[in-house]
Amino acid sequence: ASLGNLALLAAFVVASYAATISVVGARRRSTPFI
């Protein structure tokens, strides 16, 4: 169960990063960020 909880927590953190970096990349028109 702790593996499942850890996977969900990591997915939340990575999803937050993905959303943030995608918006920043779109605003700056930066292909590496996207």
PDB file of all heavy atoms in Angstrom:
ATOM      1  N   ALA A   1       0.826  -1.205   0.000  1.00  0.00           N
ATOM      2  CA  ALA A   1       0.000   0.000   0.000  1.00  0.00           C
ATOM      3  C   ALA A   1       0.862   1.257   0.000  1.00  0.00           C
ATOM      4  O   ALA A   1       0.508   2.264  -0.621  1.00  0.00           O
ATOM      5  CB  ALA A   1      -0.931   0.000   1.204  1.00  0.00           C
ATOM      6  N   SER A   2       2.002   1.194   0.664  1.00  0.00           N
ATOM      7  CA  SER A   2       2.875   2.365   0.693  1.00  0.00           C
ATOM      8  C   SER A   2       3.463   2.644  -0.688  1.00  0.00           C
ATOM      9  O   SER A   2       3.702   3.809  -1.035  1.00  0.00           O
ATOM     10  CB  SER A   2       3.986   2.180   1.720  1.00  0.00           C
ATOM     11  OG  SER A   2       4.768   1.054   1.404  1.00  0.00           O
ATOM     12  N   LEU A   3       3.681   1.612  -1.493  1.00  0.00           N
ATOM     13  CA  LEU A   3       4.154   1.807  -2.861  1.00  0.00           C
ATOM     14  C   LEU A   3       3.104   2.538  -3.691  1.00  0.00           C
ATOM     15  O   LEU A   3       3.425   3.447  -4.463  1.00  0.00           O
ATOM     16  CB  LEU A   3       4.504   0.471  -3.516  1.00  0.00           C
ATOM     17  CG  LEU A   3       4.941   0.522  -4.978  1.00  0.00           C
ATOM     18  CD1 LEU A   3       6.226   1.316  -5.122  1.00  0.00           C
ATOM     19  CD2 LEU A   3       5.100  -0.884  -5.529  1.00  0.00           C
ATOM     20  N   GLY A   4       1.846   2.183  -3.517  1.00  0.00           N
ATOM     21  CA  GLY A   4       0.763   2.872  -4.223  1.00  0.00           C
ATOM     22  C   GLY A   4       0.639   4.322  -3.796  1.00  0.00           C
ATOM     23  O   GLY A   4       0.463   5.214  -4.636  1.00  0.00           O
ATOM     24  N   ASN A   5       0.745   4.566  -2.485  1.00  0.00           N
ATOM     25  CA  ASN A   5       0.689   5.947  -1.997  1.00  0.00           C
ATOM     26  C   ASN A   5       1.859   6.773  -2.508  1.00  0.00           C
ATOM     27  O   ASN A   5       1.696   7.938  -2.896  1.00  0.00           O
ATOM     28  CB  ASN A   5       0.682   5.967  -0.468  1.00  0.00           C
ATOM     29  CG  ASN A   5      -0.644   5.559   0.107  1.00  0.00           C
ATOM     30  OD1 ASN A   5      -1.673   5.681  -0.550  1.00  0.00           O
ATOM     31  ND2 ASN A   5      -0.627   5.066   1.321  1.00  0.00           N
ATOM     32  N   LEU A   6       3.038   6.175  -2.529  1.00  0.00           N
ATOM     33  CA  LEU A   6       4.218   6.872  -3.033  1.00  0.00           C
ATOM     34  C   LEU A   6       4.078   7.179  -4.526  1.00  0.00           C
ATOM     35  O   LEU A   6       4.436   8.271  -4.974  1.00  0.00           O
ATOM     36  CB  LEU A   6       5.471   6.037  -2.775  1.00  0.00           C
ATOM     37  CG  LEU A   6       6.791   6.651  -3.207  1.00  0.00           C
ATOM     38  CD1 LEU A   6       7.065   7.926  -2.404  1.00  0.00           C
ATOM     39  CD2 LEU A   6       7.917   5.663  -3.032  1.00  0.00           C
ATOM     40  N   ALA A   7       3.547   6.236  -5.282  1.00  0.00           N
ATOM     41  CA  ALA A   7       3.344   6.457  -6.716  1.00  0.00           C
ATOM     42  C   ALA A   7       2.344   7.584  -6.960  1.00  0.00           C
ATOM     43  O   ALA A   7       2.540   8.415  -7.856  1.00  0.00           O
ATOM     44  CB  ALA A   7       2.874   5.166  -7.387  1.00  0.00           C
ATOM     45  N   LEU A   8       1.279   7.634  -6.168  1.00  0.00           N
ATOM     46  CA  LEU A   8       0.293   8.711  -6.322  1.00  0.00           C
ATOM     47  C   LEU A   8       0.878  10.070  -5.946  1.00  0.00           C
ATOM     48  O   LEU A   8       0.622  11.073  -6.627  1.00  0.00           O
ATOM     49  CB  LEU A   8      -0.944   8.416  -5.481  1.00  0.00           C
ATOM     50  CG  LEU A   8      -1.857   7.330  -6.007  1.00  0.00           C
ATOM     51  CD1 LEU A   8      -2.987   7.074  -5.016  1.00  0.00           C
ATOM     52  CD2 LEU A   8      -2.411   7.692  -7.366  1.00  0.00           C
ATOM     53  N   LEU A   9       1.655  10.105  -4.884  1.00  0.00           N
ATOM     54  CA  LEU A   9       2.289  11.358  -4.480  1.00  0.00           C
ATOM     55  C   LEU A   9       3.279  11.833  -5.538  1.00  0.00           C
ATOM     56  O   LEU A   9       3.301  13.015  -5.898  1.00  0.00           O
ATOM     57  CB  LEU A   9       2.986  11.191  -3.131  1.00  0.00           C
ATOM     58  CG  LEU A   9       3.732  12.417  -2.610  1.00  0.00           C
ATOM     59  CD1 LEU A   9       2.751  13.567  -2.356  1.00  0.00           C
ATOM     60  CD2 LEU A   9       4.497  12.084  -1.358  1.00  0.00           C
ATOM     61  N   ALA A  10       4.080  10.917  -6.044  1.00  0.00           N
ATOM     62  CA  ALA A  10       5.042  11.274  -7.092  1.00  0.00           C
ATOM     63  C   ALA A  10       4.318  11.733  -8.354  1.00  0.00           C
ATOM     64  O   ALA A  10       4.756  12.676  -9.024  1.00  0.00           O
ATOM     65  CB  ALA A  10       5.947  10.091  -7.396  1.00  0.00           C
ATOM     66  N   ALA A  11       3.202  11.089  -8.696  1.00  0.00           N
ATOM     67  CA  ALA A  11       2.427  11.499  -9.869  1.00  0.00           C
ATOM     68  C   ALA A  11       1.881  12.912  -9.698  1.00  0.00           C
ATOM     69  O   ALA A  11       1.882  13.703 -10.657  1.00  0.00           O
ATOM     70  CB  ALA A  11       1.281  10.522 -10.117  1.00  0.00           C
ATOM     71  N   PHE A  12       1.451  13.244  -8.497  1.00  0.00           N
ATOM     72  CA  PHE A  12       0.954  14.602  -8.243  1.00  0.00           C
ATOM     73  C   PHE A  12       2.061  15.632  -8.418  1.00  0.00           C
ATOM     74  O   PHE A  12       1.858  16.677  -9.050  1.00  0.00           O
ATOM     75  CB  PHE A  12       0.360  14.687  -6.838  1.00  0.00           C
ATOM     76  CG  PHE A  12      -0.066  16.073  -6.450  1.00  0.00           C
ATOM     77  CD1 PHE A  12      -1.196  16.640  -7.007  1.00  0.00           C
ATOM     78  CD2 PHE A  12       0.675  16.811  -5.558  1.00  0.00           C
ATOM     79  CE1 PHE A  12      -1.577  17.929  -6.676  1.00  0.00           C
ATOM     80  CE2 PHE A  12       0.302  18.095  -5.212  1.00  0.00           C
ATOM     81  CZ  PHE A  12      -0.830  18.662  -5.778  1.00  0.00           C
ATOM     82  N   VAL A  13       3.227  15.344  -7.865  1.00  0.00           N
ATOM     83  CA  VAL A  13       4.354  16.281  -7.963  1.00  0.00           C
ATOM     84  C   VAL A  13       4.786  16.446  -9.419  1.00  0.00           C
ATOM     85  O   VAL A  13       4.990  17.568  -9.898  1.00  0.00           O
ATOM     86  CB  VAL A  13       5.527  15.806  -7.076  1.00  0.00           C
ATOM     87  CG1 VAL A  13       6.782  16.611  -7.347  1.00  0.00           C
ATOM     88  CG2 VAL A  13       5.147  15.879  -5.612  1.00  0.00           C
ATOM     89  N   VAL A  14       4.909  15.338 -10.135  1.00  0.00           N
ATOM     90  CA  VAL A  14       5.344  15.404 -11.529  1.00  0.00           C
ATOM     91  C   VAL A  14       4.282  16.072 -12.395  1.00  0.00           C
ATOM     92  O   VAL A  14       4.610  16.828 -13.317  1.00  0.00           O
ATOM     93  CB  VAL A  14       5.705  13.995 -12.048  1.00  0.00           C
ATOM     94  CG1 VAL A  14       6.022  14.017 -13.530  1.00  0.00           C
ATOM     95  CG2 VAL A  14       6.884  13.430 -11.268  1.00  0.00           C
ATOM     96  N   ALA A  15       3.010  15.844 -12.118  1.00  0.00           N
ATOM     97  CA  ALA A  15       1.948  16.502 -12.882  1.00  0.00           C
ATOM     98  C   ALA A  15       1.958  18.006 -12.646  1.00  0.00           C
ATOM     99  O   ALA A  15       1.727  18.785 -13.592  1.00  0.00           O
ATOM    100  CB  ALA A  15       0.582  15.917 -12.510  1.00  0.00           C
ATOM    101  N   SER A  16       2.227  18.418 -11.425  1.00  0.00           N
ATOM    102  CA  SER A  16       2.338  19.850 -11.138  1.00  0.00           C
ATOM    103  C   SER A  16       3.494  20.460 -11.916  1.00  0.00           C
ATOM    104  O   SER A  16       3.379  21.545 -12.491  1.00  0.00           O
ATOM    105  CB  SER A  16       2.535  20.081  -9.641  1.00  0.00           C
ATOM    106  OG  SER A  16       1.447  19.583  -8.920  1.00  0.00           O
ATOM    107  N   TYR A  17       4.624  19.759 -11.936  1.00  0.00           N
ATOM    108  CA  TYR A  17       5.774  20.227 -12.701  1.00  0.00           C
ATOM    109  C   TYR A  17       5.433  20.300 -14.190  1.00  0.00           C
ATOM    110  O   TYR A  17       5.762  21.282 -14.865  1.00  0.00           O
ATOM    111  CB  TYR A  17       6.973  19.292 -12.486  1.00  0.00           C
ATOM    112  CG  TYR A  17       8.087  19.521 -13.472  1.00  0.00           C
ATOM    113  CD1 TYR A  17       8.966  20.584 -13.313  1.00  0.00           C
ATOM    114  CD2 TYR A  17       8.257  18.685 -14.577  1.00  0.00           C
ATOM    115  CE1 TYR A  17       9.983  20.809 -14.222  1.00  0.00           C
ATOM    116  CE2 TYR A  17       9.276  18.904 -15.486  1.00  0.00           C
ATOM    117  CZ  TYR A  17      10.127  19.965 -15.308  1.00  0.00           C
ATOM    118  OH  TYR A  17      11.124  20.195 -16.212  1.00  0.00           O
ATOM    119  N   ALA A  18       4.780  19.262 -14.706  1.00  0.00           N
ATOM    120  CA  ALA A  18       4.455  19.215 -16.133  1.00  0.00           C
ATOM    121  C   ALA A  18       3.541  20.367 -16.528  1.00  0.00           C
ATOM    122  O   ALA A  18       3.750  21.005 -17.570  1.00  0.00           O
ATOM    123  CB  ALA A  18       3.801  17.877 -16.481  1.00  0.00           C
ATOM    124  N   ALA A  19       2.551  20.647 -15.718  1.00  0.00           N
ATOM    125  CA  ALA A  19       1.633  21.742 -16.030  1.00  0.00           C
ATOM    126  C   ALA A  19       2.352  23.082 -15.993  1.00  0.00           C
ATOM    127  O   ALA A  19       2.185  23.918 -16.895  1.00  0.00           O
ATOM    128  CB  ALA A  19       0.467  21.735 -15.055  1.00  0.00           C
ATOM    129  N   THR A  20       3.158  23.285 -14.970  1.00  0.00           N
ATOM    130  CA  THR A  20       3.867  24.555 -14.824  1.00  0.00           C
ATOM    131  C   THR A  20       4.864  24.780 -15.954  1.00  0.00           C
ATOM    132  O   THR A  20       4.891  25.847 -16.577  1.00  0.00           O
ATOM    133  CB  THR A  20       4.604  24.608 -13.472  1.00  0.00           C
ATOM    134  OG1 THR A  20       3.654  24.401 -12.429  1.00  0.00           O
ATOM    135  CG2 THR A  20       5.312  25.928 -13.285  1.00  0.00           C
ATOM    136  N   ILE A  21       5.678  23.770 -16.244  1.00  0.00           N
ATOM    137  CA  ILE A  21       6.715  23.940 -17.258  1.00  0.00           C
ATOM    138  C   ILE A  21       6.109  24.054 -18.648  1.00  0.00           C
ATOM    139  O   ILE A  21       6.657  24.735 -19.521  1.00  0.00           O
ATOM    140  CB  ILE A  21       7.774  22.811 -17.165  1.00  0.00           C
ATOM    141  CG1 ILE A  21       9.102  23.251 -17.764  1.00  0.00           C
ATOM    142  CG2 ILE A  21       7.304  21.551 -17.834  1.00  0.00           C
ATOM    143  CD1 ILE A  21       9.837  24.255 -16.959  1.00  0.00           C
ATOM    144  N   SER A  22       4.956  23.427 -18.880  1.00  0.00           N
ATOM    145  CA  SER A  22       4.299  23.547 -20.181  1.00  0.00           C
ATOM    146  C   SER A  22       3.753  24.954 -20.397  1.00  0.00           C
ATOM    147  O   SER A  22       3.867  25.515 -21.494  1.00  0.00           O
ATOM    148  CB  SER A  22       3.172  22.526 -20.309  1.00  0.00           C
ATOM    149  OG  SER A  22       3.701  21.218 -20.302  1.00  0.00           O
ATOM    150  N   VAL A  23       3.172  25.535 -19.353  1.00  0.00           N
ATOM    151  CA  VAL A  23       2.662  26.908 -19.464  1.00  0.00           C
ATOM    152  C   VAL A  23       3.814  27.886 -19.665  1.00  0.00           C
ATOM    153  O   VAL A  23       3.747  28.783 -20.517  1.00  0.00           O
ATOM    154  CB  VAL A  23       1.818  27.276 -18.221  1.00  0.00           C
ATOM    155  CG1 VAL A  23       1.521  28.763 -18.182  1.00  0.00           C
ATOM    156  CG2 VAL A  23       0.543  26.466 -18.191  1.00  0.00           C
ATOM    157  N   VAL A  24       4.888  27.700 -18.910  1.00  0.00           N
ATOM    158  CA  VAL A  24       6.055  28.575 -19.064  1.00  0.00           C
ATOM    159  C   VAL A  24       6.636  28.425 -20.471  1.00  0.00           C
ATOM    160  O   VAL A  24       6.992  29.418 -21.120  1.00  0.00           O
ATOM    161  CB  VAL A  24       7.114  28.259 -17.983  1.00  0.00           C
ATOM    162  CG1 VAL A  24       8.430  28.960 -18.278  1.00  0.00           C
ATOM    163  CG2 VAL A  24       6.600  28.654 -16.611  1.00  0.00           C
ATOM    164  N   GLY A  25       6.722  27.205 -20.949  1.00  0.00           N
ATOM    165  CA  GLY A  25       7.243  26.972 -22.291  1.00  0.00           C
ATOM    166  C   GLY A  25       6.375  27.572 -23.378  1.00  0.00           C
ATOM    167  O   GLY A  25       6.874  28.091 -24.377  1.00  0.00           O
ATOM    168  N   ALA A  26       5.062  27.537 -23.188  1.00  0.00           N
ATOM    169  CA  ALA A  26       4.165  28.116 -24.178  1.00  0.00           C
ATOM    170  C   ALA A  26       4.257  29.635 -24.186  1.00  0.00           C
ATOM    171  O   ALA A  26       4.225  30.259 -25.253  1.00  0.00           O
ATOM    172  CB  ALA A  26       2.732  27.683 -23.896  1.00  0.00           C
ATOM    173  N   ARG A  27       4.388  30.226 -23.019  1.00  0.00           N
ATOM    174  CA  ARG A  27       4.498  31.690 -22.960  1.00  0.00           C
ATOM    175  C   ARG A  27       5.820  32.186 -23.532  1.00  0.00           C
ATOM    176  O   ARG A  27       5.868  33.233 -24.173  1.00  0.00           O
ATOM    177  CB  ARG A  27       4.336  32.180 -21.531  1.00  0.00           C
ATOM    178  CG  ARG A  27       2.907  32.078 -21.060  1.00  0.00           C
ATOM    179  CD  ARG A  27       2.772  32.658 -19.671  1.00  0.00           C
ATOM    180  NE  ARG A  27       1.386  32.541 -19.261  1.00  0.00           N
ATOM    181  CZ  ARG A  27       0.655  33.563 -18.873  1.00  0.00           C
ATOM    182  NH1 ARG A  27       1.167  34.760 -18.816  1.00  0.00           N
ATOM    183  NH2 ARG A  27      -0.585  33.371 -18.526  1.00  0.00           N
ATOM    184  N   ARG A  28       6.893  31.442 -23.284  1.00  0.00           N
ATOM    185  CA  ARG A  28       8.202  31.850 -23.785  1.00  0.00           C
ATOM    186  C   ARG A  28       8.486  31.314 -25.191  1.00  0.00           C
ATOM    187  O   ARG A  28       9.530  31.604 -25.753  1.00  0.00           O
ATOM    188  CB  ARG A  28       9.305  31.363 -22.847  1.00  0.00           C
ATOM    189  CG  ARG A  28       9.305  32.035 -21.512  1.00  0.00           C
ATOM    190  CD  ARG A  28      10.481  31.560 -20.702  1.00  0.00           C
ATOM    191  NE  ARG A  28      10.459  32.172 -19.375  1.00  0.00           N
ATOM    192  CZ  ARG A  28      11.347  31.905 -18.446  1.00  0.00           C
ATOM    193  NH1 ARG A  28      12.311  31.036 -18.672  1.00  0.00           N
ATOM    194  NH2 ARG A  28      11.270  32.496 -17.274  1.00  0.00           N
ATOM    195  N   ARG A  29       7.586  30.471 -25.682  1.00  0.00           N
ATOM    196  CA  ARG A  29       7.776  29.781 -26.966  1.00  0.00           C
ATOM    197  C   ARG A  29       9.096  29.008 -26.963  1.00  0.00           C
ATOM    198  O   ARG A  29       9.876  29.077 -27.910  1.00  0.00           O
ATOM    199  CB  ARG A  29       7.709  30.761 -28.124  1.00  0.00           C
ATOM    200  CG  ARG A  29       6.373  31.460 -28.229  1.00  0.00           C
ATOM    201  CD  ARG A  29       6.341  32.384 -29.426  1.00  0.00           C
ATOM    202  NE  ARG A  29       5.165  33.233 -29.385  1.00  0.00           N
ATOM    203  CZ  ARG A  29       4.008  32.927 -29.956  1.00  0.00           C
ATOM    204  NH1 ARG A  29       3.873  31.793 -30.582  1.00  0.00           N
ATOM    205  NH2 ARG A  29       2.999  33.770 -29.875  1.00  0.00           N
ATOM    206  N   SER A  30       9.318  28.282 -25.887  1.00  0.00           N
ATOM    207  CA  SER A  30      10.543  27.517 -25.690  1.00  0.00           C
ATOM    208  C   SER A  30      10.264  26.032 -25.922  1.00  0.00           C
ATOM    209  O   SER A  30       9.580  25.388 -25.121  1.00  0.00           O
ATOM    210  CB  SER A  30      11.074  27.746 -24.276  1.00  0.00           C
ATOM    211  OG  SER A  30      12.166  26.900 -24.028  1.00  0.00           O
ATOM    212  N   THR A  31      10.802  25.514 -26.997  1.00  0.00           N
ATOM    213  CA  THR A  31      10.591  24.105 -27.330  1.00  0.00           C
ATOM    214  C   THR A  31      11.147  23.151 -26.268  1.00  0.00           C
ATOM    215  O   THR A  31      10.481  22.167 -25.940  1.00  0.00           O
ATOM    216  CB  THR A  31      11.207  23.791 -28.711  1.00  0.00           C
ATOM    217  OG1 THR A  31      10.644  24.698 -29.673  1.00  0.00           O
ATOM    218  CG2 THR A  31      10.906  22.375 -29.133  1.00  0.00           C
ATOM    219  N   PRO A  32      12.321  23.392 -25.697  1.00  0.00           N
ATOM    220  CA  PRO A  32      12.811  22.461 -24.661  1.00  0.00           C
ATOM    221  C   PRO A  32      11.896  22.380 -23.435  1.00  0.00           C
ATOM    222  O   PRO A  32      11.710  21.301 -22.864  1.00  0.00           O
ATOM    223  CB  PRO A  32      14.177  23.025 -24.277  1.00  0.00           C
ATOM    224  CG  PRO A  32      14.618  23.806 -25.451  1.00  0.00           C
ATOM    225  CD  PRO A  32      13.370  24.360 -26.051  1.00  0.00           C
ATOM    226  N   PHE A  33      11.314  23.497 -23.037  1.00  0.00           N
ATOM    227  CA  PHE A  33      10.386  23.468 -21.902  1.00  0.00           C
ATOM    228  C   PHE A  33       9.133  22.659 -22.244  1.00  0.00           C
ATOM    229  O   PHE A  33       8.648  21.876 -21.428  1.00  0.00           O
ATOM    230  CB  PHE A  33       9.985  24.877 -21.494  1.00  0.00           C
ATOM    231  CG  PHE A  33      10.995  25.603 -20.655  1.00  0.00           C
ATOM    232  CD1 PHE A  33      12.227  25.053 -20.364  1.00  0.00           C
ATOM    233  CD2 PHE A  33      10.712  26.850 -20.144  1.00  0.00           C
ATOM    234  CE1 PHE A  33      13.156  25.720 -19.592  1.00  0.00           C
ATOM    235  CE2 PHE A  33      11.622  27.538 -19.361  1.00  0.00           C
ATOM    236  CZ  PHE A  33      12.857  26.968 -19.086  1.00  0.00           C
ATOM    237  N   ILE A  34       8.609  22.868 -23.427  1.00  0.00           N
ATOM    238  CA  ILE A  34       7.405  22.140 -23.850  1.00  0.00           C
ATOM    239  C   ILE A  34       7.699  20.643 -23.940  1.00  0.00           C
ATOM    240  O   ILE A  34       6.899  19.814 -23.498  1.00  0.00           O
ATOM    241  CB  ILE A  34       6.870  22.702 -25.172  1.00  0.00           C
ATOM    242  CG1 ILE A  34       6.405  24.141 -24.973  1.00  0.00           C
ATOM    243  CG2 ILE A  34       5.746  21.832 -25.717  1.00  0.00           C
ATOM    244  CD1 ILE A  34       6.050  24.858 -26.249  1.00  0.00           C
TER     245      ILE A  34
END
